Structures are given as structure tokens and as C-alpha cells.
PDB file of all heavy atoms in Angstrom:
ATOM      1  N   MET A   1      23.650-152.198-132.034  1.00  0.00           N
ATOM      2  CA  MET A   1      23.559-151.053-132.991  1.00  0.00           C
ATOM      3  C   MET A   1      23.305-149.780-132.285  1.00  0.00           C
ATOM      4  O   MET A   1      23.877-148.737-132.640  1.00  0.00           O
ATOM      5  CB  MET A   1      22.495-151.324-133.971  1.00  0.00           C
ATOM      6  CG  MET A   1      22.729-152.545-134.949  1.00  0.00           C
ATOM      7  SD  MET A   1      21.289-152.784-136.071  1.00  0.00           S
ATOM      8  CE  MET A   1      21.149-151.316-136.930  1.00  0.00           C
ATOM      9  N   SER A   2      22.548-149.852-131.313  1.00  0.00           N
ATOM     10  CA  SER A   2      22.117-148.603-130.559  1.00  0.00           C
ATOM     11  C   SER A   2      23.460-148.063-129.827  1.00  0.00           C
ATOM     12  O   SER A   2      23.718-146.906-129.773  1.00  0.00           O
ATOM     13  CB  SER A   2      21.098-148.901-129.477  1.00  0.00           C
ATOM     14  OG  SER A   2      20.961-147.783-128.650  1.00  0.00           O
ATOM     15  N   THR A   3      24.246-148.990-129.268  1.00  0.00           N
ATOM     16  CA  THR A   3      25.517-148.563-128.681  1.00  0.00           C
ATOM     17  C   THR A   3      26.515-147.969-129.534  1.00  0.00           C
ATOM     18  O   THR A   3      27.066-146.890-129.321  1.00  0.00           O
ATOM     19  CB  THR A   3      26.168-149.802-127.946  1.00  0.00           C
ATOM     20  OG1 THR A   3      25.252-150.319-126.984  1.00  0.00           O
ATOM     21  CG2 THR A   3      27.427-149.412-127.207  1.00  0.00           C
ATOM     22  N   SER A   4      26.695-148.487-130.771  1.00  0.00           N
ATOM     23  CA  SER A   4      27.673-148.020-131.724  1.00  0.00           C
ATOM     24  C   SER A   4      27.208-146.739-132.285  1.00  0.00           C
ATOM     25  O   SER A   4      27.995-145.943-132.794  1.00  0.00           O
ATOM     26  CB  SER A   4      27.880-148.971-132.863  1.00  0.00           C
ATOM     27  OG  SER A   4      26.684-149.264-133.487  1.00  0.00           O
ATOM     28  N   ALA A   5      25.883-146.479-132.251  1.00  0.00           N
ATOM     29  CA  ALA A   5      25.316-145.213-132.864  1.00  0.00           C
ATOM     30  C   ALA A   5      25.128-144.164-131.858  1.00  0.00           C
ATOM     31  O   ALA A   5      24.714-143.058-132.171  1.00  0.00           O
ATOM     32  CB  ALA A   5      23.929-145.551-133.514  1.00  0.00           C
ATOM     33  N   MET A   6      25.506-144.473-130.489  1.00  0.00           N
ATOM     34  CA  MET A   6      25.351-143.413-129.556  1.00  0.00           C
ATOM     35  C   MET A   6      26.203-142.175-129.760  1.00  0.00           C
ATOM     36  O   MET A   6      27.284-142.323-130.275  1.00  0.00           O
ATOM     37  CB  MET A   6      25.732-143.993-128.172  1.00  0.00           C
ATOM     38  CG  MET A   6      24.708-144.974-127.492  1.00  0.00           C
ATOM     39  SD  MET A   6      25.353-145.736-126.098  1.00  0.00           S
ATOM     40  CE  MET A   6      25.526-144.262-125.092  1.00  0.00           C
ATOM     41  N   ALA A   7      25.720-140.985-129.419  1.00  0.00           N
ATOM     42  CA  ALA A   7      26.428-139.844-129.560  1.00  0.00           C
ATOM     43  C   ALA A   7      27.593-139.729-128.656  1.00  0.00           C
ATOM     44  O   ALA A   7      27.440-140.210-127.461  1.00  0.00           O
ATOM     45  CB  ALA A   7      25.442-138.589-129.371  1.00  0.00           C
ATOM     46  N   GLN A   8      28.624-139.235-129.077  1.00  0.00           N
ATOM     47  CA  GLN A   8      29.776-138.972-128.218  1.00  0.00           C
ATOM     48  C   GLN A   8      29.816-137.510-127.813  1.00  0.00           C
ATOM     49  O   GLN A   8      29.775-136.606-128.654  1.00  0.00           O
ATOM     50  CB  GLN A   8      31.137-139.235-128.908  1.00  0.00           C
ATOM     51  CG  GLN A   8      31.558-140.764-128.820  1.00  0.00           C
ATOM     52  CD  GLN A   8      30.708-141.623-129.690  1.00  0.00           C
ATOM     53  OE1 GLN A   8      30.299-141.259-130.798  1.00  0.00           O
ATOM     54  NE2 GLN A   8      30.457-142.888-129.278  1.00  0.00           N
ATOM     55  N   ASN A   9      29.757-137.154-126.519  1.00  0.00           N
ATOM     56  CA  ASN A   9      29.684-135.837-126.001  1.00  0.00           C
ATOM     57  C   ASN A   9      30.967-135.466-125.382  1.00  0.00           C
ATOM     58  O   ASN A   9      31.531-136.223-124.507  1.00  0.00           O
ATOM     59  CB  ASN A   9      28.542-135.802-124.992  1.00  0.00           C
ATOM     60  CG  ASN A   9      27.211-136.250-125.557  1.00  0.00           C
ATOM     61  OD1 ASN A   9      26.845-135.812-126.556  1.00  0.00           O
ATOM     62  ND2 ASN A   9      26.550-137.121-124.863  1.00  0.00           N
ATOM     63  N   ILE A  10      31.498-134.359-125.682  1.00  0.00           N
ATOM     64  CA  ILE A  10      32.812-133.922-125.218  1.00  0.00           C
ATOM     65  C   ILE A  10      32.695-132.531-124.622  1.00  0.00           C
ATOM     66  O   ILE A  10      31.847-131.739-125.011  1.00  0.00           O
ATOM     67  CB  ILE A  10      33.895-133.912-126.268  1.00  0.00           C
ATOM     68  CG1 ILE A  10      33.594-132.923-127.358  1.00  0.00           C
ATOM     69  CG2 ILE A  10      34.032-135.316-126.889  1.00  0.00           C
ATOM     70  CD1 ILE A  10      34.682-132.928-128.520  1.00  0.00           C
ATOM     71  N   ALA A  11      33.620-132.173-123.742  1.00  0.00           N
ATOM     72  CA  ALA A  11      33.711-130.838-123.158  1.00  0.00           C
ATOM     73  C   ALA A  11      35.087-130.280-123.596  1.00  0.00           C
ATOM     74  O   ALA A  11      36.091-131.078-123.582  1.00  0.00           O
ATOM     75  CB  ALA A  11      33.675-130.880-121.638  1.00  0.00           C
ATOM     76  N   VAL A  12      35.123-129.054-123.898  1.00  0.00           N
ATOM     77  CA  VAL A  12      36.389-128.380-124.220  1.00  0.00           C
ATOM     78  C   VAL A  12      36.559-127.253-123.193  1.00  0.00           C
ATOM     79  O   VAL A  12      35.690-126.344-123.071  1.00  0.00           O
ATOM     80  CB  VAL A  12      36.481-127.760-125.623  1.00  0.00           C
ATOM     81  CG1 VAL A  12      37.724-126.979-125.860  1.00  0.00           C
ATOM     82  CG2 VAL A  12      36.170-128.842-126.706  1.00  0.00           C
ATOM     83  N   ILE A  13      37.602-127.396-122.341  1.00  0.00           N
ATOM     84  CA  ILE A  13      37.805-126.435-121.208  1.00  0.00           C
ATOM     85  C   ILE A  13      38.846-125.492-121.650  1.00  0.00           C
ATOM     86  O   ILE A  13      39.935-125.854-122.234  1.00  0.00           O
ATOM     87  CB  ILE A  13      38.186-127.166-119.947  1.00  0.00           C
ATOM     88  CG1 ILE A  13      37.006-128.004-119.460  1.00  0.00           C
ATOM     89  CG2 ILE A  13      38.621-126.217-118.900  1.00  0.00           C
ATOM     90  CD1 ILE A  13      37.399-128.905-118.244  1.00  0.00           C
ATOM     91  N   ALA A  14      38.598-124.104-121.415  1.00  0.00           N
ATOM     92  CA  ALA A  14      39.483-123.100-121.894  1.00  0.00           C
ATOM     93  C   ALA A  14      39.731-122.080-120.907  1.00  0.00           C
ATOM     94  O   ALA A  14      39.152-122.065-119.796  1.00  0.00           O
ATOM     95  CB  ALA A  14      38.827-122.510-123.189  1.00  0.00           C
ATOM     96  N   GLY A  15      40.487-121.020-121.207  1.00  0.00           N
ATOM     97  CA  GLY A  15      40.893-119.962-120.349  1.00  0.00           C
ATOM     98  C   GLY A  15      39.803-118.916-120.110  1.00  0.00           C
ATOM     99  O   GLY A  15      38.676-119.085-120.575  1.00  0.00           O
ATOM    100  N   SER A  16      40.166-117.822-119.524  1.00  0.00           N
ATOM    101  CA  SER A  16      39.174-116.757-119.081  1.00  0.00           C
ATOM    102  C   SER A  16      38.369-116.236-120.229  1.00  0.00           C
ATOM    103  O   SER A  16      38.695-116.009-121.282  1.00  0.00           O
ATOM    104  CB  SER A  16      39.985-115.700-118.426  1.00  0.00           C
ATOM    105  OG  SER A  16      39.100-114.548-118.139  1.00  0.00           O
ATOM    106  N   ILE A  17      37.055-115.927-119.795  1.00  0.00           N
ATOM    107  CA  ILE A  17      36.174-115.290-120.761  1.00  0.00           C
ATOM    108  C   ILE A  17      36.734-113.858-121.034  1.00  0.00           C
ATOM    109  O   ILE A  17      36.199-113.238-121.985  1.00  0.00           O
ATOM    110  CB  ILE A  17      34.736-115.194-120.192  1.00  0.00           C
ATOM    111  CG1 ILE A  17      34.727-114.460-118.839  1.00  0.00           C
ATOM    112  CG2 ILE A  17      34.156-116.563-120.073  1.00  0.00           C
ATOM    113  CD1 ILE A  17      33.377-114.305-118.185  1.00  0.00           C
ATOM    114  N   GLU A  18      37.647-113.346-120.214  1.00  0.00           N
ATOM    115  CA  GLU A  18      38.185-112.021-120.477  1.00  0.00           C
ATOM    116  C   GLU A  18      39.459-112.068-121.370  1.00  0.00           C
ATOM    117  O   GLU A  18      40.027-111.034-121.677  1.00  0.00           O
ATOM    118  CB  GLU A  18      38.492-111.394-119.144  1.00  0.00           C
ATOM    119  CG  GLU A  18      37.308-111.191-118.215  1.00  0.00           C
ATOM    120  CD  GLU A  18      37.726-110.746-116.806  1.00  0.00           C
ATOM    121  OE1 GLU A  18      38.972-110.743-116.533  1.00  0.00           O
ATOM    122  OE2 GLU A  18      36.900-110.368-116.023  1.00  0.00           O
ATOM    123  N   ASP A  19      39.903-113.275-121.732  1.00  0.00           N
ATOM    124  CA  ASP A  19      41.132-113.465-122.449  1.00  0.00           C
ATOM    125  C   ASP A  19      40.812-113.585-123.976  1.00  0.00           C
ATOM    126  O   ASP A  19      40.287-114.575-124.454  1.00  0.00           O
ATOM    127  CB  ASP A  19      41.772-114.744-121.966  1.00  0.00           C
ATOM    128  CG  ASP A  19      43.210-114.923-122.463  1.00  0.00           C
ATOM    129  OD1 ASP A  19      43.525-114.310-123.538  1.00  0.00           O
ATOM    130  OD2 ASP A  19      43.993-115.599-121.901  1.00  0.00           O
ATOM    131  N   GLY A  20      41.128-112.511-124.759  1.00  0.00           N
ATOM    132  CA  GLY A  20      40.941-112.528-126.178  1.00  0.00           C
ATOM    133  C   GLY A  20      41.537-113.702-126.910  1.00  0.00           C
ATOM    134  O   GLY A  20      41.039-114.034-128.037  1.00  0.00           O
ATOM    135  N   PHE A  21      42.646-114.170-126.434  1.00  0.00           N
ATOM    136  CA  PHE A  21      43.323-115.371-127.069  1.00  0.00           C
ATOM    137  C   PHE A  21      42.407-116.519-127.344  1.00  0.00           C
ATOM    138  O   PHE A  21      42.403-117.105-128.410  1.00  0.00           O
ATOM    139  CB  PHE A  21      44.485-115.753-126.251  1.00  0.00           C
ATOM    140  CG  PHE A  21      45.208-116.927-126.791  1.00  0.00           C
ATOM    141  CD1 PHE A  21      46.084-116.940-127.751  1.00  0.00           C
ATOM    142  CD2 PHE A  21      44.890-118.211-126.196  1.00  0.00           C
ATOM    143  CE1 PHE A  21      46.859-118.080-128.279  1.00  0.00           C
ATOM    144  CE2 PHE A  21      45.572-119.428-126.662  1.00  0.00           C
ATOM    145  CZ  PHE A  21      46.554-119.304-127.713  1.00  0.00           C
ATOM    146  N   PHE A  22      41.455-116.733-126.358  1.00  0.00           N
ATOM    147  CA  PHE A  22      40.628-117.846-126.478  1.00  0.00           C
ATOM    148  C   PHE A  22      39.384-117.603-127.337  1.00  0.00           C
ATOM    149  O   PHE A  22      38.676-118.573-127.599  1.00  0.00           O
ATOM    150  CB  PHE A  22      40.154-118.329-125.044  1.00  0.00           C
ATOM    151  CG  PHE A  22      41.226-119.126-124.415  1.00  0.00           C
ATOM    152  CD1 PHE A  22      42.198-118.452-123.529  1.00  0.00           C
ATOM    153  CD2 PHE A  22      41.428-120.358-124.607  1.00  0.00           C
ATOM    154  CE1 PHE A  22      43.237-119.089-123.005  1.00  0.00           C
ATOM    155  CE2 PHE A  22      42.434-121.102-124.029  1.00  0.00           C
ATOM    156  CZ  PHE A  22      43.473-120.372-123.280  1.00  0.00           C
ATOM    157  N   ASN A  23      39.308-116.399-127.833  1.00  0.00           N
ATOM    158  CA  ASN A  23      38.312-116.207-129.002  1.00  0.00           C
ATOM    159  C   ASN A  23      38.780-116.936-130.268  1.00  0.00           C
ATOM    160  O   ASN A  23      37.986-117.472-131.084  1.00  0.00           O
ATOM    161  CB  ASN A  23      38.101-114.744-129.328  1.00  0.00           C
ATOM    162  CG  ASN A  23      37.461-114.047-128.075  1.00  0.00           C
ATOM    163  OD1 ASN A  23      36.725-114.681-127.286  1.00  0.00           O
ATOM    164  ND2 ASN A  23      37.706-112.793-127.952  1.00  0.00           N
ATOM    165  N   LEU A  24      40.137-116.964-130.412  1.00  0.00           N
ATOM    166  CA  LEU A  24      40.656-117.710-131.607  1.00  0.00           C
ATOM    167  C   LEU A  24      40.576-119.211-131.347  1.00  0.00           C
ATOM    168  O   LEU A  24      40.312-119.970-132.361  1.00  0.00           O
ATOM    169  CB  LEU A  24      42.103-117.256-131.837  1.00  0.00           C
ATOM    170  CG  LEU A  24      42.303-115.794-132.043  1.00  0.00           C
ATOM    171  CD1 LEU A  24      43.789-115.485-132.107  1.00  0.00           C
ATOM    172  CD2 LEU A  24      41.527-115.352-133.308  1.00  0.00           C
ATOM    173  N   ILE A  25      40.812-119.620-130.116  1.00  0.00           N
ATOM    174  CA  ILE A  25      40.629-121.036-129.782  1.00  0.00           C
ATOM    175  C   ILE A  25      39.193-121.482-130.067  1.00  0.00           C
ATOM    176  O   ILE A  25      38.875-122.551-130.745  1.00  0.00           O
ATOM    177  CB  ILE A  25      40.938-121.322-128.352  1.00  0.00           C
ATOM    178  CG1 ILE A  25      42.404-121.127-127.973  1.00  0.00           C
ATOM    179  CG2 ILE A  25      40.437-122.756-127.897  1.00  0.00           C
ATOM    180  CD1 ILE A  25      43.288-122.308-128.355  1.00  0.00           C
ATOM    181  N   LYS A  26      38.196-120.558-129.695  1.00  0.00           N
ATOM    182  CA  LYS A  26      36.802-120.901-129.837  1.00  0.00           C
ATOM    183  C   LYS A  26      36.386-120.891-131.339  1.00  0.00           C
ATOM    184  O   LYS A  26      35.542-121.704-131.673  1.00  0.00           O
ATOM    185  CB  LYS A  26      35.935-119.878-129.041  1.00  0.00           C
ATOM    186  CG  LYS A  26      34.454-120.255-129.050  1.00  0.00           C
ATOM    187  CD  LYS A  26      33.649-119.322-128.230  1.00  0.00           C
ATOM    188  CE  LYS A  26      32.235-119.764-127.992  1.00  0.00           C
ATOM    189  NZ  LYS A  26      31.502-119.958-129.335  1.00  0.00           N
ATOM    190  N   LYS A  27      37.017-120.137-132.115  1.00  0.00           N
ATOM    191  CA  LYS A  27      36.720-120.146-133.578  1.00  0.00           C
ATOM    192  C   LYS A  27      37.118-121.576-134.149  1.00  0.00           C
ATOM    193  O   LYS A  27      36.333-122.256-134.814  1.00  0.00           O
ATOM    194  CB  LYS A  27      37.566-119.122-134.333  1.00  0.00           C
ATOM    195  CG  LYS A  27      37.652-119.222-135.840  1.00  0.00           C
ATOM    196  CD  LYS A  27      36.361-118.991-136.484  1.00  0.00           C
ATOM    197  CE  LYS A  27      36.535-118.961-138.074  1.00  0.00           C
ATOM    198  NZ  LYS A  27      35.307-119.134-138.759  1.00  0.00           N
ATOM    199  N   GLY A  28      38.209-122.037-133.701  1.00  0.00           N
ATOM    200  CA  GLY A  28      38.570-123.478-134.120  1.00  0.00           C
ATOM    201  C   GLY A  28      37.573-124.539-133.546  1.00  0.00           C
ATOM    202  O   GLY A  28      37.199-125.443-134.259  1.00  0.00           O
ATOM    203  N   VAL A  29      37.270-124.285-132.171  1.00  0.00           N
ATOM    204  CA  VAL A  29      36.247-125.285-131.559  1.00  0.00           C
ATOM    205  C   VAL A  29      34.980-125.170-132.300  1.00  0.00           C
ATOM    206  O   VAL A  29      34.286-126.252-132.626  1.00  0.00           O
ATOM    207  CB  VAL A  29      36.140-124.951-130.048  1.00  0.00           C
ATOM    208  CG1 VAL A  29      34.933-125.720-129.476  1.00  0.00           C
ATOM    209  CG2 VAL A  29      37.439-125.109-129.288  1.00  0.00           C
ATOM    210  N   ASP A  30      34.474-123.978-132.682  1.00  0.00           N
ATOM    211  CA  ASP A  30      33.185-123.851-133.250  1.00  0.00           C
ATOM    212  C   ASP A  30      33.122-124.500-134.686  1.00  0.00           C
ATOM    213  O   ASP A  30      32.183-125.183-135.035  1.00  0.00           O
ATOM    214  CB  ASP A  30      32.799-122.379-133.409  1.00  0.00           C
ATOM    215  CG  ASP A  30      32.498-121.650-132.118  1.00  0.00           C
ATOM    216  OD1 ASP A  30      32.170-122.399-131.124  1.00  0.00           O
ATOM    217  OD2 ASP A  30      32.421-120.379-132.149  1.00  0.00           O
ATOM    218  N   ASP A  31      34.228-124.357-135.396  1.00  0.00           N
ATOM    219  CA  ASP A  31      34.300-125.007-136.732  1.00  0.00           C
ATOM    220  C   ASP A  31      34.354-126.453-136.606  1.00  0.00           C
ATOM    221  O   ASP A  31      33.634-127.205-137.396  1.00  0.00           O
ATOM    222  CB  ASP A  31      35.513-124.395-137.538  1.00  0.00           C
ATOM    223  CG  ASP A  31      35.297-123.091-137.989  1.00  0.00           C
ATOM    224  OD1 ASP A  31      34.219-122.473-137.913  1.00  0.00           O
ATOM    225  OD2 ASP A  31      36.314-122.485-138.582  1.00  0.00           O
ATOM    226  N   ALA A  32      35.008-127.018-135.608  1.00  0.00           N
ATOM    227  CA  ALA A  32      35.078-128.448-135.364  1.00  0.00           C
ATOM    228  C   ALA A  32      33.739-128.997-135.008  1.00  0.00           C
ATOM    229  O   ALA A  32      33.345-130.111-135.230  1.00  0.00           O
ATOM    230  CB  ALA A  32      36.257-128.819-134.441  1.00  0.00           C
ATOM    231  N   THR A  33      32.986-128.173-134.161  1.00  0.00           N
ATOM    232  CA  THR A  33      31.709-128.602-133.623  1.00  0.00           C
ATOM    233  C   THR A  33      30.802-128.892-134.760  1.00  0.00           C
ATOM    234  O   THR A  33      29.840-129.732-134.627  1.00  0.00           O
ATOM    235  CB  THR A  33      31.139-127.431-132.697  1.00  0.00           C
ATOM    236  OG1 THR A  33      32.000-127.309-131.650  1.00  0.00           O
ATOM    237  CG2 THR A  33      29.797-127.861-132.237  1.00  0.00           C
ATOM    238  N   LEU A  34      30.866-128.218-135.884  1.00  0.00           N
ATOM    239  CA  LEU A  34      30.030-128.471-137.021  1.00  0.00           C
ATOM    240  C   LEU A  34      30.134-130.006-137.419  1.00  0.00           C
ATOM    241  O   LEU A  34      29.210-130.687-137.749  1.00  0.00           O
ATOM    242  CB  LEU A  34      30.329-127.550-138.213  1.00  0.00           C
ATOM    243  CG  LEU A  34      30.138-126.049-137.997  1.00  0.00           C
ATOM    244  CD1 LEU A  34      30.631-125.333-139.221  1.00  0.00           C
ATOM    245  CD2 LEU A  34      28.606-125.754-137.693  1.00  0.00           C
ATOM    246  N   MET A  35      31.374-130.498-137.488  1.00  0.00           N
ATOM    247  CA  MET A  35      31.625-131.850-137.837  1.00  0.00           C
ATOM    248  C   MET A  35      31.129-132.804-136.770  1.00  0.00           C
ATOM    249  O   MET A  35      30.553-133.849-137.073  1.00  0.00           O
ATOM    250  CB  MET A  35      33.178-132.116-137.999  1.00  0.00           C
ATOM    251  CG  MET A  35      33.550-133.541-138.393  1.00  0.00           C
ATOM    252  SD  MET A  35      33.760-134.699-137.015  1.00  0.00           S
ATOM    253  CE  MET A  35      35.196-134.018-136.258  1.00  0.00           C
TER     254      MET A  35
END
């Protein structure tokens, strides 16, 4: 039961912090993170 209930941890790797395109990617990631 403990194994099946373990949290799944994921990393999302993205482009440059200077690249505004990835602000839109992050909006999607942030919304999915709520789930």
C-alpha cells in the first residue's frame, strides 16, 4: 500500500529563462502541476 501510494516526482526541462516562449510553456506546466 505504501509503494502504490508513493508520490511520483517529475522534472520538466525547458529553454532559456530569457526566452518568453517558455513563459507560455510554464503556464501549461503550472496548471498541470495543480493536478
